[in-house]
C-alpha atoms as a PDB file:
ATOM      1  CA  MET A   1     -19.561   5.494 -41.432  1.00  0.00           C
ATOM      2  CA  ARG A   2     -21.434   7.308 -38.652  1.00  0.00           C
ATOM      3  CA  ASN A   3     -19.179   9.496 -36.499  1.00  0.00           C
ATOM      4  CA  PRO A   4     -19.548   8.350 -32.847  1.00  0.00           C
ATOM      5  CA  PHE A   5     -18.342  11.768 -31.625  1.00  0.00           C
ATOM      6  CA  LYS A   6     -20.807  13.754 -33.715  1.00  0.00           C
ATOM      7  CA  ASN A   7     -23.171  14.442 -30.796  1.00  0.00           C
ATOM      8  CA  THR A   8     -20.489  14.899 -28.112  1.00  0.00           C
ATOM      9  CA  ALA A   9     -21.390  18.553 -27.528  1.00  0.00           C
ATOM     10  CA  TYR A  10     -25.062  17.588 -27.107  1.00  0.00           C
ATOM     11  CA  TYR A  11     -24.220  14.819 -24.618  1.00  0.00           C
ATOM     12  CA  ILE A  12     -22.077  17.168 -22.527  1.00  0.00           C
ATOM     13  CA  LYS A  13     -24.795  19.818 -22.556  1.00  0.00           C
ATOM     14  CA  GLU A  14     -27.425  17.286 -21.493  1.00  0.00           C
ATOM     15  CA  ALA A  15     -25.164  15.941 -18.744  1.00  0.00           C
ATOM     16  CA  LYS A  16     -24.798  19.493 -17.393  1.00  0.00           C
ATOM     17  CA  THR A  17     -28.572  19.951 -17.509  1.00  0.00           C
ATOM     18  CA  ILE A  18     -29.167  16.695 -15.657  1.00  0.00           C
ATOM     19  CA  PHE A  19     -26.596  17.761 -13.072  1.00  0.00           C
ATOM     20  CA  LYS A  20     -28.347  21.126 -12.520  1.00  0.00           C
ATOM     21  CA  VAL A  21     -31.797  19.540 -12.117  1.00  0.00           C
ATOM     22  CA  ASP A  22     -30.775  18.167  -8.710  1.00  0.00           C
ATOM     23  CA  LEU A  23     -27.844  20.496  -8.040  1.00  0.00           C
ATOM     24  CA  SER A  24     -27.704  20.393  -4.232  1.00  0.00           C
ATOM     25  CA  SER A  25     -27.928  16.596  -4.115  1.00  0.00           C
ATOM     26  CA  ASN A  26     -25.203  16.223  -6.748  1.00  0.00           C
ATOM     27  CA  ILE A  27     -22.885  18.658  -4.963  1.00  0.00           C
ATOM     28  CA  LEU A  28     -23.322  16.754  -1.719  1.00  0.00           C
ATOM     29  CA  SER A  29     -22.666  13.518  -3.613  1.00  0.00           C
ATOM     30  CA  ILE A  30     -19.435  14.934  -5.039  1.00  0.00           C
ATOM     31  CA  LEU A  31     -18.302  15.979  -1.574  1.00  0.00           C
ATOM     32  CA  SER A  32     -19.198  12.558  -0.185  1.00  0.00           C
ATOM     33  CA  ILE A  33     -17.320  10.797  -2.977  1.00  0.00           C
ATOM     34  CA  GLY A  34     -14.375  13.159  -2.461  1.00  0.00           C
ATOM     35  CA  LEU A  35     -14.231  12.344   1.261  1.00  0.00           C
ATOM     36  CA  ILE A  36     -14.533   8.622   0.558  1.00  0.00           C
ATOM     37  CA  PHE A  37     -11.704   8.790  -1.973  1.00  0.00           C
ATOM     38  CA  PHE A  38      -9.694  10.944   0.450  1.00  0.00           C
ATOM     39  CA  ILE A  39      -9.980   8.181   3.038  1.00  0.00           C
ATOM     40  CA  LEU A  40      -8.924   5.752   0.312  1.00  0.00           C
ATOM     41  CA  THR A  41      -5.798   7.808  -0.405  1.00  0.00           C
ATOM     42  CA  LEU A  42      -4.934   7.815   3.309  1.00  0.00           C
ATOM     43  CA  ILE A  43      -5.327   4.042   3.410  1.00  0.00           C
ATOM     44  CA  LEU A  44      -3.235   3.655   0.268  1.00  0.00           C
ATOM     45  CA  THR A  45      -0.562   5.978   1.661  1.00  0.00           C
ATOM     46  CA  GLY A  46      -0.433   4.035   4.918  1.00  0.00           C
ATOM     47  CA  TRP A  47      -0.192   0.804   2.945  1.00  0.00           C
ATOM     48  CA  LEU A  48       2.678   2.139   0.818  1.00  0.00           C
ATOM     49  CA  ILE A  49       4.536   3.451   3.865  1.00  0.00           C
ATOM     50  CA  SER A  50       4.076   0.217   5.816  1.00  0.00           C
ATOM     51  CA  ASN A  51       5.194  -1.819   2.806  1.00  0.00           C
ATOM     52  CA  ASN A  52       8.279   0.350   2.490  1.00  0.00           C
ATOM     53  CA  ILE A  53       9.090  -0.123   6.178  1.00  0.00           C
ATOM     54  CA  VAL A  54       8.510  -3.867   5.915  1.00  0.00           C
ATOM     55  CA  GLU A  55      10.773  -4.095   2.859  1.00  0.00           C
ATOM     56  CA  ILE A  56      13.538  -2.292   4.741  1.00  0.00           C
ATOM     57  CA  ILE A  57      13.081  -4.580   7.737  1.00  0.00           C
ATOM     58  CA  GLU A  58      13.119  -7.609   5.426  1.00  0.00           C
ATOM     59  CA  LYS A  59      16.439  -6.464   4.005  1.00  0.00           C
ATOM     60  CA  GLU A  60      17.782  -6.266   7.546  1.00  0.00           C
ATOM     61  CA  THR A  61      16.458  -9.701   8.513  1.00  0.00           C
ATOM     62  CA  GLU A  62      19.330 -11.715   9.888  1.00  0.00           C
ATOM     63  CA  ILE A  63      20.266 -14.785  11.883  1.00  0.00           C
ATOM     64  CA  SER A  64      23.233 -15.300  14.189  1.00  0.00           C
ATOM     65  CA  ILE A  65      25.420 -18.381  13.860  1.00  0.00           C
ATOM     66  CA  TYR A  66      27.650 -19.360  16.780  1.00  0.00           C
ATOM     67  CA  TYR A  67      30.521 -21.637  15.844  1.00  0.00           C
ATOM     68  CA  ASN A  68      32.812 -23.893  17.829  1.00  0.00           C
ATOM     69  CA  GLU A  69      35.226 -22.056  20.097  1.00  0.00           C
ATOM     70  CA  GLY A  70      38.838 -22.498  19.151  1.00  0.00           C
ATOM     71  CA  LEU A  71      38.071 -22.861  15.447  1.00  0.00           C
ATOM     72  CA  GLU A  72      41.177 -21.950  13.466  1.00  0.00           C
ATOM     73  CA  LYS A  73      41.133 -18.949  11.169  1.00  0.00           C
ATOM     74  CA  ASP A  74      41.399 -20.994   7.968  1.00  0.00           C
ATOM     75  CA  SER A  75      38.553 -23.247   9.059  1.00  0.00           C
ATOM     76  CA  LEU A  76      36.496 -20.203  10.085  1.00  0.00           C
ATOM     77  CA  ASP A  77      37.077 -18.521   6.709  1.00  0.00           C
ATOM     78  CA  ASN A  78      36.080 -21.744   4.967  1.00  0.00           C
ATOM     79  CA  LEU A  79      32.918 -21.946   7.061  1.00  0.00           C
ATOM     80  CA  LEU A  80      32.092 -18.326   6.254  1.00  0.00           C
ATOM     81  CA  THR A  81      32.524 -18.980   2.533  1.00  0.00           C
ATOM     82  CA  LYS A  82      30.268 -22.040   2.600  1.00  0.00           C
ATOM     83  CA  ILE A  83      27.585 -20.151   4.492  1.00  0.00           C
ATOM     84  CA  GLY A  84      27.751 -17.252   2.028  1.00  0.00           C
ATOM     85  CA  ASN A  85      27.190 -19.651  -0.881  1.00  0.00           C
ATOM     86  CA  ILE A  86      23.836 -20.874   0.443  1.00  0.00           C
ATOM     87  CA  GLN A  87      20.912 -19.696  -1.655  1.00  0.00           C
ATOM     88  CA  GLY A  88      18.919 -16.978   0.084  1.00  0.00           C
ATOM     89  CA  ILE A  89      21.851 -15.512   2.011  1.00  0.00           C
ATOM     90  CA  ARG A  90      22.712 -11.966   0.971  1.00  0.00           C
ATOM     91  CA  ASP A  91      25.693 -11.358   3.234  1.00  0.00           C
ATOM     92  CA  ALA A  92      27.659 -13.078   5.966  1.00  0.00           C
ATOM     93  CA  LYS A  93      30.324 -11.572   8.191  1.00  0.00           C
ATOM     94  CA  ILE A  94      32.093 -12.312  11.447  1.00  0.00           C
ATOM     95  CA  VAL A  95      31.212 -10.184  14.459  1.00  0.00           C
ATOM     96  CA  SER A  96      34.063 -10.219  16.963  1.00  0.00           C
ATOM     97  CA  GLU A  97      33.718 -10.379  20.732  1.00  0.00           C
ATOM     98  CA  ASP A  98      34.610  -6.703  21.094  1.00  0.00           C
ATOM     99  CA  GLU A  99      32.039  -5.676  18.481  1.00  0.00           C
ATOM    100  CA  SER A 100      29.402  -7.791  20.229  1.00  0.00           C
ATOM    101  CA  TYR A 101      30.212  -5.995  23.462  1.00  0.00           C
ATOM    102  CA  ASP A 102      29.991  -2.561  21.831  1.00  0.00           C
ATOM    103  CA  ARG A 103      26.638  -3.406  20.268  1.00  0.00           C
ATOM    104  CA  MET A 104      25.229  -4.398  23.629  1.00  0.00           C
ATOM    105  CA  VAL A 105      26.480  -1.140  25.141  1.00  0.00           C
ATOM    106  CA  ASP A 106      24.586   0.781  22.458  1.00  0.00           C
ATOM    107  CA  ILE A 107      21.441  -1.245  23.111  1.00  0.00           C
ATOM    108  CA  LEU A 108      21.543  -0.860  26.902  1.00  0.00           C
ATOM    109  CA  GLY A 109      22.387   2.821  26.856  1.00  0.00           C
ATOM    110  CA  MET A 110      22.409   4.161  30.423  1.00  0.00           C
ATOM    111  CA  GLU A 111      22.066   0.625  31.765  1.00  0.00           C
ATOM    112  CA  ALA A 112      25.329  -0.471  30.110  1.00  0.00           C
ATOM    113  CA  LYS A 113      27.153   0.064  33.404  1.00  0.00           C
ATOM    114  CA  ILE A 114      25.912  -3.351  34.481  1.00  0.00           C
ATOM    115  CA  LEU A 115      28.481  -4.849  32.111  1.00  0.00           C
ATOM    116  CA  ASN A 116      31.261  -3.457  34.286  1.00  0.00           C
ATOM    117  CA  HIS A 117      30.499  -6.169  36.833  1.00  0.00           C
ATOM    118  CA  PHE A 118      31.933  -8.806  34.468  1.00  0.00           C
ATOM    119  CA  GLU A 119      35.653  -9.394  34.770  1.00  0.00           C
ATOM    120  CA  ASN A 120      35.867 -10.690  31.207  1.00  0.00           C
ATOM    121  CA  ASN A 121      33.908  -9.989  28.054  1.00  0.00           C
ATOM    122  CA  PRO A 122      30.781 -12.208  28.396  1.00  0.00           C
ATOM    123  CA  PHE A 123      30.013 -12.115  24.691  1.00  0.00           C
ATOM    124  CA  SER A 124      31.186 -14.529  22.024  1.00  0.00           C
ATOM    125  CA  SER A 125      32.044 -13.867  18.430  1.00  0.00           C
ATOM    126  CA  PHE A 126      29.533 -15.105  15.869  1.00  0.00           C
ATOM    127  CA  ILE A 127      28.656 -14.992  12.183  1.00  0.00           C
ATOM    128  CA  GLU A 128      26.016 -12.438  11.306  1.00  0.00           C
ATOM    129  CA  VAL A 129      23.991 -13.548   8.286  1.00  0.00           C
ATOM    130  CA  LYS A 130      21.565 -11.333   6.363  1.00  0.00           C
ATOM    131  CA  ILE A 131      18.950 -13.458   4.671  1.00  0.00           C
ATOM    132  CA  GLU A 132      15.936 -13.306   2.400  1.00  0.00           C
ATOM    133  CA  MET A 133      13.056 -13.841   4.775  1.00  0.00           C
ATOM    134  CA  GLU A 134      11.188 -16.311   2.574  1.00  0.00           C
ATOM    135  CA  SER A 135      14.307 -18.521   2.388  1.00  0.00           C
ATOM    136  CA  LEU A 136      14.680 -19.011   6.149  1.00  0.00           C
ATOM    137  CA  ASP A 137      13.551 -22.654   6.225  1.00  0.00           C
ATOM    138  CA  HIS A 138      15.809 -23.582   3.324  1.00  0.00           C
ATOM    139  CA  ILE A 139      18.791 -21.867   4.955  1.00  0.00           C
ATOM    140  CA  LEU A 140      18.237 -23.570   8.301  1.00  0.00           C
ATOM    141  CA  ASN A 141      17.984 -26.966   6.590  1.00  0.00           C
ATOM    142  CA  GLU A 142      21.285 -26.356   4.799  1.00  0.00           C
ATOM    143  CA  LEU A 143      23.025 -25.242   7.994  1.00  0.00           C
ATOM    144  CA  GLU A 144      22.152 -28.517   9.753  1.00  0.00           C
ATOM    145  CA  TYR A 145      24.914 -30.246   7.772  1.00  0.00           C
ATOM    146  CA  PHE A 146      27.653 -27.925   9.053  1.00  0.00           C
ATOM    147  CA  GLN A 147      29.573 -29.660  11.859  1.00  0.00           C
ATOM    148  CA  ASP A 148      31.390 -26.570  13.153  1.00  0.00           C
ATOM    149  CA  ILE A 149      28.169 -24.799  14.126  1.00  0.00           C
ATOM    150  CA  ASP A 150      27.141 -24.926  17.796  1.00  0.00           C
ATOM    151  CA  TYR A 151      23.975 -22.846  17.825  1.00  0.00           C
ATOM    152  CA  ILE A 152      21.807 -20.781  15.483  1.00  0.00           C
ATOM    153  CA  ARG A 153      19.686 -17.900  16.708  1.00  0.00           C
ATOM    154  CA  ASP A 154      17.148 -17.628  13.921  1.00  0.00           C
ATOM    155  CA  ASN A 155      14.844 -14.938  15.376  1.00  0.00           C
ATOM    156  CA  ARG A 156      11.942 -17.135  14.300  1.00  0.00           C
ATOM    157  CA  GLN A 157       9.363 -15.354  16.444  1.00  0.00           C
ATOM    158  CA  VAL A 158      10.287 -11.921  15.113  1.00  0.00           C
ATOM    159  CA  ILE A 159      10.256 -13.130  11.504  1.00  0.00           C
ATOM    160  CA  ASP A 160       6.916 -14.925  11.947  1.00  0.00           C
ATOM    161  CA  ARG A 161       5.394 -11.772  13.421  1.00  0.00           C
ATOM    162  CA  LEU A 162       6.748  -9.730  10.547  1.00  0.00           C
ATOM    163  CA  GLN A 163       5.216 -12.116   8.031  1.00  0.00           C
ATOM    164  CA  GLY A 164       1.934 -11.928   9.957  1.00  0.00           C
ATOM    165  CA  ILE A 165       1.992  -8.126   9.801  1.00  0.00           C
ATOM    166  CA  ILE A 166       2.563  -8.256   6.045  1.00  0.00           C
ATOM    167  CA  SER A 167      -0.400 -10.610   5.575  1.00  0.00           C
ATOM    168  CA  ILE A 168      -2.692  -8.480   7.755  1.00  0.00           C
ATOM    169  CA  ILE A 169      -1.761  -5.298   5.874  1.00  0.00           C
ATOM    170  CA  GLU A 170      -2.445  -6.942   2.510  1.00  0.00           C
ATOM    171  CA  VAL A 171      -5.823  -8.399   3.584  1.00  0.00           C
ATOM    172  CA  LEU A 172      -7.036  -5.194   5.276  1.00  0.00           C
ATOM    173  CA  GLY A 173      -5.949  -3.107   2.298  1.00  0.00           C
ATOM    174  CA  LEU A 174      -7.856  -5.345  -0.118  1.00  0.00           C
ATOM    175  CA  ILE A 175     -10.996  -5.351   2.048  1.00  0.00           C
ATOM    176  CA  LEU A 176     -10.974  -1.560   2.404  1.00  0.00           C
ATOM    177  CA  PHE A 177     -10.427  -1.025  -1.322  1.00  0.00           C
ATOM    178  CA  LEU A 178     -13.364  -3.293  -2.136  1.00  0.00           C
ATOM    179  CA  ALA A 179     -15.592  -1.651   0.485  1.00  0.00           C
ATOM    180  CA  ILE A 180     -14.845   1.867  -0.759  1.00  0.00           C
ATOM    181  CA  GLY A 181     -15.307   0.827  -4.386  1.00  0.00           C
ATOM    182  CA  ILE A 182     -18.676  -0.799  -3.668  1.00  0.00           C
ATOM    183  CA  CYS A 183     -19.905   2.194  -1.600  1.00  0.00           C
ATOM    184  CA  THR A 184     -18.958   4.610  -4.369  1.00  0.00           C
ATOM    185  CA  MET A 185     -20.654   2.506  -7.057  1.00  0.00           C
ATOM    186  CA  ILE A 186     -23.835   2.385  -4.958  1.00  0.00           C
ATOM    187  CA  ILE A 187     -23.799   6.182  -4.605  1.00  0.00           C
ATOM    188  CA  ILE A 188     -23.308   6.697  -8.341  1.00  0.00           C
ATOM    189  CA  SER A 189     -25.988   4.152  -9.175  1.00  0.00           C
ATOM    190  CA  HIS A 190     -28.443   5.923  -6.873  1.00  0.00           C
ATOM    191  CA  ILE A 191     -27.624   9.321  -8.405  1.00  0.00           C
ATOM    192  CA  ILE A 192     -28.284   8.015 -11.911  1.00  0.00           C
ATOM    193  CA  ARG A 193     -31.557   6.379 -10.892  1.00  0.00           C
ATOM    194  CA  GLN A 194     -32.619   9.645  -9.264  1.00  0.00           C
ATOM    195  CA  GLY A 195     -31.612  11.595 -12.373  1.00  0.00           C
ATOM    196  CA  ILE A 196     -33.615   9.281 -14.606  1.00  0.00           C
ATOM    197  CA  TYR A 197     -36.636   9.665 -12.328  1.00  0.00           C
ATOM    198  CA  ASN A 198     -36.342  13.479 -12.287  1.00  0.00           C
ATOM    199  CA  ASN A 199     -36.104  13.560 -16.106  1.00  0.00           C
ATOM    200  CA  ARG A 200     -38.688  10.866 -16.825  1.00  0.00           C
ATOM    201  CA  ASP A 201     -40.954  13.191 -18.829  1.00  0.00           C
ATOM    202  CA  GLU A 202     -38.116  14.202 -21.160  1.00  0.00           C
ATOM    203  CA  ILE A 203     -37.112  10.548 -21.528  1.00  0.00           C
ATOM    204  CA  TYR A 204     -40.668   9.570 -22.497  1.00  0.00           C
ATOM    205  CA  THR A 205     -40.678  12.344 -25.112  1.00  0.00           C
ATOM    206  CA  LEU A 206     -37.363  11.167 -26.598  1.00  0.00           C
ATOM    207  CA  LYS A 207     -38.648   7.571 -26.702  1.00  0.00           C
ATOM    208  CA  LEU A 208     -41.754   8.700 -28.565  1.00  0.00           C
ATOM    209  CA  LEU A 209     -39.537  10.522 -31.050  1.00  0.00           C
ATOM    210  CA  GLY A 210     -37.672   7.258 -31.703  1.00  0.00           C
ATOM    211  CA  ALA A 211     -34.411   8.022 -29.883  1.00  0.00           C
ATOM    212  CA  PRO A 212     -32.383   4.834 -29.197  1.00  0.00           C
ATOM    213  CA  ASP A 213     -31.563   3.793 -25.642  1.00  0.00           C
ATOM    214  CA  GLY A 214     -27.864   4.589 -26.043  1.00  0.00           C
ATOM    215  CA  PHE A 215     -28.666   8.167 -27.102  1.00  0.00           C
ATOM    216  CA  ILE A 216     -30.835   8.643 -23.993  1.00  0.00           C
ATOM    217  CA  GLN A 217     -28.509   6.879 -21.549  1.00  0.00           C
ATOM    218  CA  LEU A 218     -25.182   8.438 -22.481  1.00  0.00           C
ATOM    219  CA  PRO A 219     -25.740  11.831 -20.733  1.00  0.00           C
ATOM    220  CA  PHE A 220     -26.622   9.994 -17.501  1.00  0.00           C
ATOM    221  CA  PHE A 221     -23.557   7.801 -17.923  1.00  0.00           C
ATOM    222  CA  MET A 222     -21.388  10.898 -18.408  1.00  0.00           C
ATOM    223  CA  GLU A 223     -22.907  12.525 -15.321  1.00  0.00           C
ATOM    224  CA  GLY A 224     -21.974   9.551 -13.124  1.00  0.00           C
ATOM    225  CA  LEU A 225     -18.474   9.447 -14.596  1.00  0.00           C
ATOM    226  CA  PHE A 226     -17.960  13.179 -14.082  1.00  0.00           C
ATOM    227  CA  LEU A 227     -19.113  12.960 -10.470  1.00  0.00           C
ATOM    228  CA  THR A 228     -16.516  10.333  -9.583  1.00  0.00           C
ATOM    229  CA  ILE A 229     -13.734  12.085 -11.502  1.00  0.00           C
ATOM    230  CA  ILE A 230     -14.498  15.412  -9.793  1.00  0.00           C
ATOM    231  CA  GLY A 231     -14.713  13.634  -6.422  1.00  0.00           C
ATOM    232  CA  GLY A 232     -11.380  11.984  -7.147  1.00  0.00           C
ATOM    233  CA  GLY A 233      -9.913  15.386  -8.031  1.00  0.00           C
ATOM    234  CA  ILE A 234     -11.106  16.863  -4.718  1.00  0.00           C
ATOM    235  CA  ALA A 235      -9.637  13.907  -2.835  1.00  0.00           C
ATOM    236  CA  GLY A 236      -6.355  14.268  -4.703  1.00  0.00           C
ATOM    237  CA  VAL A 237      -6.077  17.979  -3.861  1.00  0.00           C
ATOM    238  CA  LEU A 238      -6.850  17.387  -0.164  1.00  0.00           C
ATOM    239  CA  TRP A 239      -4.393  14.518  -0.003  1.00  0.00           C
ATOM    240  CA  PHE A 240      -1.649  16.495  -1.786  1.00  0.00           C
ATOM    241  CA  ILE A 241      -2.073  19.411   0.634  1.00  0.00           C
ATOM    242  CA  LEU A 242      -1.942  17.035   3.606  1.00  0.00           C
ATOM    243  CA  ILE A 243       1.235  15.365   2.331  1.00  0.00           C
ATOM    244  CA  LYS A 244       2.962  18.682   1.666  1.00  0.00           C
ATOM    245  CA  LEU A 245       1.967  20.271   4.978  1.00  0.00           C
ATOM    246  CA  GLY A 246       1.763  17.332   7.374  1.00  0.00           C
ATOM    247  CA  TYR A 247       3.907  14.445   6.193  1.00  0.00           C
ATOM    248  CA  GLY A 248       7.088  16.516   6.095  1.00  0.00           C
ATOM    249  CA  ASN A 249       6.720  17.271   9.811  1.00  0.00           C
ATOM    250  CA  ILE A 250       6.257  13.582  10.622  1.00  0.00           C
ATOM    251  CA  TYR A 251       9.254  12.720   8.435  1.00  0.00           C
ATOM    252  CA  ASN A 252      11.421  15.212  10.331  1.00  0.00           C
ATOM    253  CA  LEU A 253      10.126  14.293  13.788  1.00  0.00           C
ATOM    254  CA  LEU A 254      10.779  10.553  13.328  1.00  0.00           C
ATOM    255  CA  PRO A 255      14.246  10.365  11.759  1.00  0.00           C
ATOM    256  CA  PHE A 256      14.785   6.946  13.340  1.00  0.00           C
ATOM    257  CA  MET A 257      11.880   5.459  11.372  1.00  0.00           C
ATOM    258  CA  PRO A 258      12.649   4.222   7.841  1.00  0.00           C
ATOM    259  CA  LEU A 259       9.927   6.394   6.304  1.00  0.00           C
ATOM    260  CA  PRO A 260       9.990   6.969   2.534  1.00  0.00           C
ATOM    261  CA  HIS A 261      10.198  10.537   1.291  1.00  0.00           C
ATOM    262  CA  GLY A 262       6.815  12.018   0.416  1.00  0.00           C
ATOM    263  CA  ASP A 263       7.723  12.551  -3.234  1.00  0.00           C
ATOM    264  CA  GLU A 264       8.248   8.797  -3.676  1.00  0.00           C
ATOM    265  CA  PHE A 265       4.541   7.983  -3.548  1.00  0.00           C
ATOM    266  CA  VAL A 266       2.885  11.189  -4.832  1.00  0.00           C
ATOM    267  CA  TRP A 267       2.571  10.059  -8.440  1.00  0.00           C
ATOM    268  CA  PRO A 268       1.678   6.419  -7.631  1.00  0.00           C
ATOM    269  CA  VAL A 269      -1.199   7.603  -5.417  1.00  0.00           C
ATOM    270  CA  ILE A 270      -2.420  10.243  -7.899  1.00  0.00           C
ATOM    271  CA  THR A 271      -2.230   7.753 -10.778  1.00  0.00           C
ATOM    272  CA  PHE A 272      -4.090   5.094  -8.810  1.00  0.00           C
ATOM    273  CA  LEU A 273      -6.750   7.591  -7.698  1.00  0.00           C
ATOM    274  CA  THR A 274      -7.344   8.729 -11.291  1.00  0.00           C
ATOM    275  CA  ILE A 275      -7.656   5.175 -12.619  1.00  0.00           C
ATOM    276  CA  PHE A 276      -9.738   4.000  -9.661  1.00  0.00           C
ATOM    277  CA  SER A 277     -12.209   6.913  -9.776  1.00  0.00           C
ATOM    278  CA  THR A 278     -12.659   6.504 -13.537  1.00  0.00           C
ATOM    279  CA  PHE A 279     -13.175   2.740 -13.231  1.00  0.00           C
ATOM    280  CA  VAL A 280     -15.642   3.074 -10.358  1.00  0.00           C
ATOM    281  CA  GLY A 281     -17.511   5.806 -12.234  1.00  0.00           C
ATOM    282  CA  ILE A 282     -17.867   3.614 -15.326  1.00  0.00           C
ATOM    283  CA  ILE A 283     -18.997   0.540 -13.393  1.00  0.00           C
ATOM    284  CA  GLY A 284     -21.349   2.535 -11.118  1.00  0.00           C
ATOM    285  CA  SER A 285     -22.913   4.353 -14.066  1.00  0.00           C
ATOM    286  CA  ARG A 286     -23.435   1.134 -16.015  1.00  0.00           C
ATOM    287  CA  PHE A 287     -24.966  -0.539 -12.986  1.00  0.00           C
ATOM    288  CA  GLY A 288     -27.317   2.395 -12.401  1.00  0.00           C
ATOM    289  CA  LEU A 289     -28.503   2.311 -16.020  1.00  0.00           C
ATOM    290  CA  LYS A 290     -28.917  -1.468 -16.023  1.00  0.00           C
ATOM    291  CA  SER A 291     -30.900  -1.505 -12.784  1.00  0.00           C
ATOM    292  CA  ILE A 292     -33.716   0.705 -14.068  1.00  0.00           C
ATOM    293  CA  LYS A 293     -35.898   0.564 -17.181  1.00  0.00           C
END
């Protein structure tokens, strides 16, 4: 059986030669691909961070259930148990009048002094329910059958906006990934076409000597693949430096934001960049070879 790796050294040598024929153009192409992939890593990082924030917010999604005043403790405990058993509810607890008052003081801050004008506590106790966001409609339908409930504050507008943000992030991320992938494949395809044109005399000679198409094409294919991998490596180094030097400062300056630690998405981004650059290099190289005879 013929060894497919027998001529590997020759292919690598030829790929280097092809690269040197148009050295300045190839270097600029690598830098361009590196910058494009660097932008991709920034987009991916922003997407991962926003998803992490959204997941945290989803876990904190809650509704407030106000029950009939004067409800006895046993009846209230029974109501709390029934609510907790509804599918999609993660936790349910009673928030007393005093706790409601304290929460409002924390929210108002310096303006909390306005509450001193009330002779009595204006806030009522209620049941705070943490829910799975996608189960909101089901939960509200189930709660309609509870007679001891006066009012439900479901935060529908906030939840709808949150779902809208999630959808926008997913669509924009997909569009940007596709756009960057297509741009990179076009660049690689153009480089290969240019390389074939610059080496047309050598290709004609090899054809006359009976060399098969695969033997002639493989060095060009390897050149395109190497360009994207090197560009991806440059992007990865730039991104890693930015995360180590810049993200830590943002993480420390915004302690109130539920930002993930930088180490949580280093390997996912590097792994994705490696796979993506290799895939784009393969597809772009194949397209460049197919588009020219």
